[in-house]
């Protein structure tokens, strides 16, 4: 599930995040990005996430960067998410670097 709170520009990701959710995720992430210069992305109570969903998040990050906007990852990122990031080889991408 994806929820966007305009007041604090927070996109909260919860539950099972998979290819079935990609169309909804794309729409909501685009809306969030259009409404602010900085989006806060929070993984909260994520039970499952797959590569397709991570690719949508990364595409939003690239779109934000191209538009001179910012995506902030709220720490900590749950272990289930970091495991998939590492397993899929996406850990090298700048957006996932925490230092």
N, C-alpha and C. Protein backbone atom coordinates (compact mmCIF):
# COMPACT_ATOMS: atom_id res chain seq x y z
N UNK A 1 0.85 -1.18 0.00
CA UNK A 1 0.00 0.00 0.00
C UNK A 1 0.89 1.24 0.00
N UNK A 2 0.42 2.24 -0.69
CA UNK A 2 1.14 3.50 -0.75
C UNK A 2 0.20 4.60 -0.31
N UNK A 3 0.68 5.43 0.60
CA UNK A 3 -0.11 6.60 0.99
C UNK A 3 0.79 7.82 0.89
N UNK A 4 0.19 8.94 0.52
CA UNK A 4 0.92 10.19 0.39
C UNK A 4 0.25 11.24 1.25
N UNK A 5 1.03 11.86 2.12
CA UNK A 5 0.54 12.94 2.95
C UNK A 5 1.16 14.23 2.45
N UNK A 6 0.32 15.08 1.88
CA UNK A 6 0.82 16.32 1.27
C UNK A 6 1.39 17.27 2.32
N UNK A 7 0.83 17.25 3.52
CA UNK A 7 1.25 18.17 4.57
C UNK A 7 2.76 18.08 4.84
N UNK A 8 3.29 16.86 4.92
CA UNK A 8 4.72 16.72 5.19
C UNK A 8 5.46 16.06 4.03
N UNK A 9 4.80 15.96 2.88
CA UNK A 9 5.40 15.39 1.67
C UNK A 9 5.97 13.99 1.91
N UNK A 10 5.25 13.21 2.70
CA UNK A 10 5.68 11.86 3.07
C UNK A 10 4.94 10.82 2.24
N UNK A 11 5.71 9.95 1.59
CA UNK A 11 5.16 8.79 0.91
C UNK A 11 5.47 7.59 1.80
N UNK A 12 4.42 6.96 2.29
CA UNK A 12 4.58 5.82 3.19
C UNK A 12 4.26 4.54 2.42
N UNK A 13 5.19 3.59 2.46
CA UNK A 13 5.05 2.32 1.78
C UNK A 13 4.88 1.23 2.83
N UNK A 14 3.80 0.47 2.74
CA UNK A 14 3.52 -0.56 3.74
C UNK A 14 3.02 -1.83 3.07
N UNK A 15 3.11 -2.92 3.82
CA UNK A 15 2.52 -4.18 3.37
C UNK A 15 3.33 -4.87 2.30
N UNK A 16 2.62 -5.49 1.35
CA UNK A 16 3.24 -6.22 0.26
C UNK A 16 3.31 -5.33 -0.96
N UNK A 17 4.52 -5.08 -1.42
CA UNK A 17 4.77 -4.16 -2.53
C UNK A 17 5.33 -4.97 -3.69
N UNK A 18 4.50 -5.19 -4.71
CA UNK A 18 4.92 -6.07 -5.79
C UNK A 18 4.45 -5.55 -7.14
N UNK A 19 4.73 -6.31 -8.16
CA UNK A 19 4.39 -5.92 -9.52
C UNK A 19 2.90 -5.59 -9.68
N UNK A 20 2.05 -6.23 -8.89
CA UNK A 20 0.61 -5.94 -8.96
C UNK A 20 0.29 -4.51 -8.54
N UNK A 21 1.18 -3.89 -7.78
CA UNK A 21 0.96 -2.55 -7.25
C UNK A 21 1.65 -1.46 -8.06
N UNK A 22 2.37 -1.84 -9.10
CA UNK A 22 3.22 -0.89 -9.82
C UNK A 22 2.43 0.25 -10.46
N UNK A 23 1.31 -0.02 -11.09
CA UNK A 23 0.54 1.05 -11.75
C UNK A 23 0.05 2.07 -10.73
N UNK A 24 -0.50 1.59 -9.62
CA UNK A 24 -0.96 2.48 -8.55
C UNK A 24 0.22 3.25 -7.96
N UNK A 25 1.32 2.56 -7.74
CA UNK A 25 2.52 3.20 -7.18
C UNK A 25 3.01 4.31 -8.09
N UNK A 26 3.08 4.04 -9.37
CA UNK A 26 3.57 5.04 -10.33
C UNK A 26 2.71 6.30 -10.27
N UNK A 27 1.41 6.13 -10.28
CA UNK A 27 0.49 7.27 -10.22
C UNK A 27 0.69 8.08 -8.94
N UNK A 28 0.73 7.41 -7.81
CA UNK A 28 0.88 8.11 -6.54
C UNK A 28 2.25 8.76 -6.37
N UNK A 29 3.30 8.09 -6.84
CA UNK A 29 4.63 8.66 -6.74
C UNK A 29 4.77 9.88 -7.66
N UNK A 30 4.18 9.82 -8.84
CA UNK A 30 4.21 10.98 -9.75
C UNK A 30 3.46 12.16 -9.14
N UNK A 31 2.32 11.88 -8.51
CA UNK A 31 1.54 12.94 -7.86
C UNK A 31 2.35 13.58 -6.73
N UNK A 32 2.99 12.74 -5.93
CA UNK A 32 3.81 13.25 -4.82
C UNK A 32 4.94 14.11 -5.35
N UNK A 33 5.61 13.64 -6.37
CA UNK A 33 6.73 14.37 -6.94
C UNK A 33 6.31 15.70 -7.54
N UNK A 34 5.14 15.73 -8.16
CA UNK A 34 4.64 16.97 -8.77
C UNK A 34 4.28 18.02 -7.73
N UNK A 35 3.98 17.58 -6.51
CA UNK A 35 3.48 18.51 -5.50
C UNK A 35 4.56 19.16 -4.64
N UNK A 36 5.79 18.71 -4.77
CA UNK A 36 6.81 19.23 -3.86
C UNK A 36 8.21 19.11 -4.45
N UNK A 37 9.12 19.90 -3.91
CA UNK A 37 10.52 19.83 -4.31
C UNK A 37 11.27 18.72 -3.61
N UNK A 38 10.75 18.26 -2.48
CA UNK A 38 11.37 17.17 -1.73
C UNK A 38 10.29 16.19 -1.28
N UNK A 39 10.52 14.93 -1.56
CA UNK A 39 9.62 13.87 -1.14
C UNK A 39 10.35 13.01 -0.12
N UNK A 40 9.68 12.71 0.96
CA UNK A 40 10.22 11.81 1.98
C UNK A 40 9.61 10.43 1.75
N UNK A 41 10.46 9.44 1.59
CA UNK A 41 10.02 8.08 1.31
C UNK A 41 10.28 7.22 2.54
N UNK A 42 9.19 6.67 3.09
CA UNK A 42 9.31 5.87 4.30
C UNK A 42 8.77 4.47 4.06
N UNK A 43 9.63 3.49 4.27
CA UNK A 43 9.22 2.09 4.22
C UNK A 43 8.76 1.74 5.63
N UNK A 44 7.49 1.41 5.78
CA UNK A 44 6.93 1.18 7.11
C UNK A 44 6.14 -0.12 7.11
N UNK A 45 6.56 -1.06 7.93
CA UNK A 45 5.86 -2.36 8.05
C UNK A 45 5.76 -3.06 6.70
N UNK A 46 6.84 -3.02 5.92
CA UNK A 46 6.86 -3.71 4.63
C UNK A 46 7.01 -5.21 4.90
N UNK A 47 6.09 -5.97 4.32
CA UNK A 47 6.12 -7.43 4.47
C UNK A 47 6.86 -8.10 3.33
N UNK A 48 6.77 -7.48 2.15
CA UNK A 48 7.38 -8.05 0.96
C UNK A 48 7.56 -6.93 -0.06
N UNK A 49 8.65 -7.02 -0.82
CA UNK A 49 8.88 -6.06 -1.91
C UNK A 49 9.61 -6.81 -3.02
N UNK A 50 9.30 -6.49 -4.26
CA UNK A 50 9.96 -7.18 -5.36
C UNK A 50 10.70 -6.19 -6.26
N UNK A 51 11.43 -6.74 -7.21
CA UNK A 51 12.26 -5.94 -8.10
C UNK A 51 11.44 -4.92 -8.89
N UNK A 52 10.28 -5.32 -9.38
CA UNK A 52 9.44 -4.39 -10.17
C UNK A 52 9.10 -3.15 -9.35
N UNK A 53 8.79 -3.35 -8.09
CA UNK A 53 8.43 -2.21 -7.24
C UNK A 53 9.65 -1.34 -6.98
N UNK A 54 10.80 -1.96 -6.74
CA UNK A 54 12.02 -1.17 -6.54
C UNK A 54 12.37 -0.37 -7.79
N UNK A 55 12.10 -0.93 -8.96
CA UNK A 55 12.38 -0.21 -10.20
C UNK A 55 11.51 1.04 -10.33
N UNK A 56 10.27 0.97 -9.90
CA UNK A 56 9.39 2.15 -9.94
C UNK A 56 9.93 3.23 -8.99
N UNK A 57 10.36 2.82 -7.83
CA UNK A 57 10.93 3.78 -6.88
C UNK A 57 12.19 4.41 -7.45
N UNK A 58 13.01 3.60 -8.07
CA UNK A 58 14.23 4.14 -8.66
C UNK A 58 13.92 5.08 -9.83
N UNK A 59 12.92 4.75 -10.63
CA UNK A 59 12.51 5.64 -11.71
C UNK A 59 12.04 6.98 -11.17
N UNK A 60 11.30 6.97 -10.05
CA UNK A 60 10.87 8.21 -9.43
C UNK A 60 12.09 9.01 -8.96
N UNK A 61 13.05 8.34 -8.38
CA UNK A 61 14.28 9.00 -7.94
C UNK A 61 14.97 9.68 -9.12
N UNK A 62 15.08 8.97 -10.24
CA UNK A 62 15.72 9.55 -11.43
C UNK A 62 14.92 10.73 -11.97
N UNK A 63 13.60 10.63 -11.97
CA UNK A 63 12.75 11.74 -12.42
C UNK A 63 12.93 12.96 -11.52
N UNK A 64 12.98 12.71 -10.22
CA UNK A 64 13.18 13.80 -9.27
C UNK A 64 14.52 14.49 -9.51
N UNK A 65 15.55 13.70 -9.68
CA UNK A 65 16.89 14.24 -9.91
C UNK A 65 16.92 15.08 -11.19
N UNK A 66 16.29 14.59 -12.26
CA UNK A 66 16.26 15.32 -13.53
C UNK A 66 15.50 16.63 -13.40
N UNK A 67 14.51 16.66 -12.51
CA UNK A 67 13.71 17.88 -12.28
C UNK A 67 14.29 18.74 -11.16
N UNK A 68 15.49 18.42 -10.72
CA UNK A 68 16.16 19.11 -9.63
C UNK A 68 15.33 19.09 -8.35
N UNK A 69 14.71 17.94 -8.11
CA UNK A 69 13.97 17.70 -6.89
C UNK A 69 14.72 16.65 -6.09
N UNK A 70 14.24 16.39 -4.89
CA UNK A 70 14.97 15.50 -4.00
C UNK A 70 14.05 14.43 -3.43
N UNK A 71 14.59 13.22 -3.30
CA UNK A 71 13.90 12.12 -2.63
C UNK A 71 14.75 11.75 -1.42
N UNK A 72 14.15 11.86 -0.24
CA UNK A 72 14.85 11.50 0.99
C UNK A 72 14.32 10.16 1.48
N UNK A 73 15.22 9.24 1.76
CA UNK A 73 14.84 7.95 2.33
C UNK A 73 14.87 8.09 3.85
N UNK A 74 13.74 7.85 4.48
CA UNK A 74 13.66 7.92 5.93
C UNK A 74 14.29 6.65 6.50
N UNK A 75 15.23 6.83 7.37
CA UNK A 75 15.94 5.70 7.99
C UNK A 75 15.25 5.31 9.28
N UNK A 76 15.33 4.09 9.69
CA UNK A 76 16.02 3.00 9.01
C UNK A 76 15.13 2.38 7.93
N UNK A 77 15.78 1.81 6.93
CA UNK A 77 15.08 1.06 5.91
C UNK A 77 14.96 -0.38 6.44
N UNK A 78 13.76 -0.95 6.44
CA UNK A 78 13.59 -2.29 7.00
C UNK A 78 14.51 -3.33 6.34
N UNK A 79 14.91 -4.30 7.11
CA UNK A 79 15.82 -5.33 6.63
C UNK A 79 15.27 -6.07 5.42
N UNK A 80 13.98 -6.32 5.38
CA UNK A 80 13.39 -7.02 4.23
C UNK A 80 13.64 -6.25 2.94
N UNK A 81 13.61 -4.92 3.02
CA UNK A 81 13.84 -4.08 1.84
C UNK A 81 15.32 -4.10 1.47
N UNK A 82 16.21 -3.94 2.45
CA UNK A 82 17.64 -3.93 2.14
C UNK A 82 18.11 -5.28 1.60
N UNK A 83 17.51 -6.36 2.07
CA UNK A 83 17.88 -7.69 1.55
C UNK A 83 17.54 -7.79 0.06
N UNK A 84 16.37 -7.33 -0.32
CA UNK A 84 15.98 -7.39 -1.74
C UNK A 84 16.86 -6.46 -2.56
N UNK A 85 17.17 -5.30 -2.04
CA UNK A 85 18.06 -4.36 -2.75
C UNK A 85 19.40 -5.04 -3.03
N UNK A 86 19.96 -5.69 -2.04
CA UNK A 86 21.25 -6.34 -2.21
C UNK A 86 21.15 -7.56 -3.14
N UNK A 87 20.12 -8.36 -2.96
CA UNK A 87 19.94 -9.56 -3.78
C UNK A 87 19.76 -9.24 -5.25
N UNK A 88 19.10 -8.14 -5.55
CA UNK A 88 18.83 -7.77 -6.94
C UNK A 88 19.98 -6.98 -7.57
N UNK A 89 20.98 -6.64 -6.78
CA UNK A 89 22.13 -5.91 -7.31
C UNK A 89 21.92 -4.42 -7.40
N UNK A 90 20.88 -3.89 -6.76
CA UNK A 90 20.61 -2.45 -6.83
C UNK A 90 21.33 -1.64 -5.76
N UNK A 91 22.04 -2.31 -4.88
CA UNK A 91 22.69 -1.62 -3.77
C UNK A 91 23.72 -0.59 -4.18
N UNK A 92 24.27 -0.73 -5.38
CA UNK A 92 25.28 0.22 -5.84
C UNK A 92 24.68 1.55 -6.27
N UNK A 93 23.38 1.60 -6.51
CA UNK A 93 22.75 2.82 -6.99
C UNK A 93 22.78 3.91 -5.92
N UNK A 94 23.04 5.11 -6.36
CA UNK A 94 23.21 6.24 -5.45
C UNK A 94 22.06 6.43 -4.48
N UNK A 95 20.84 6.22 -4.92
CA UNK A 95 19.70 6.50 -4.04
C UNK A 95 19.69 5.63 -2.80
N UNK A 96 20.29 4.44 -2.87
CA UNK A 96 20.26 3.52 -1.73
C UNK A 96 21.45 3.69 -0.81
N UNK A 97 22.38 4.56 -1.16
CA UNK A 97 23.56 4.80 -0.32
C UNK A 97 23.15 5.64 0.88
N UNK A 98 23.47 5.18 2.07
CA UNK A 98 23.04 5.89 3.27
C UNK A 98 24.12 6.75 3.89
N UNK A 99 25.32 6.75 3.37
CA UNK A 99 26.36 7.60 3.96
C UNK A 99 26.75 8.70 3.03
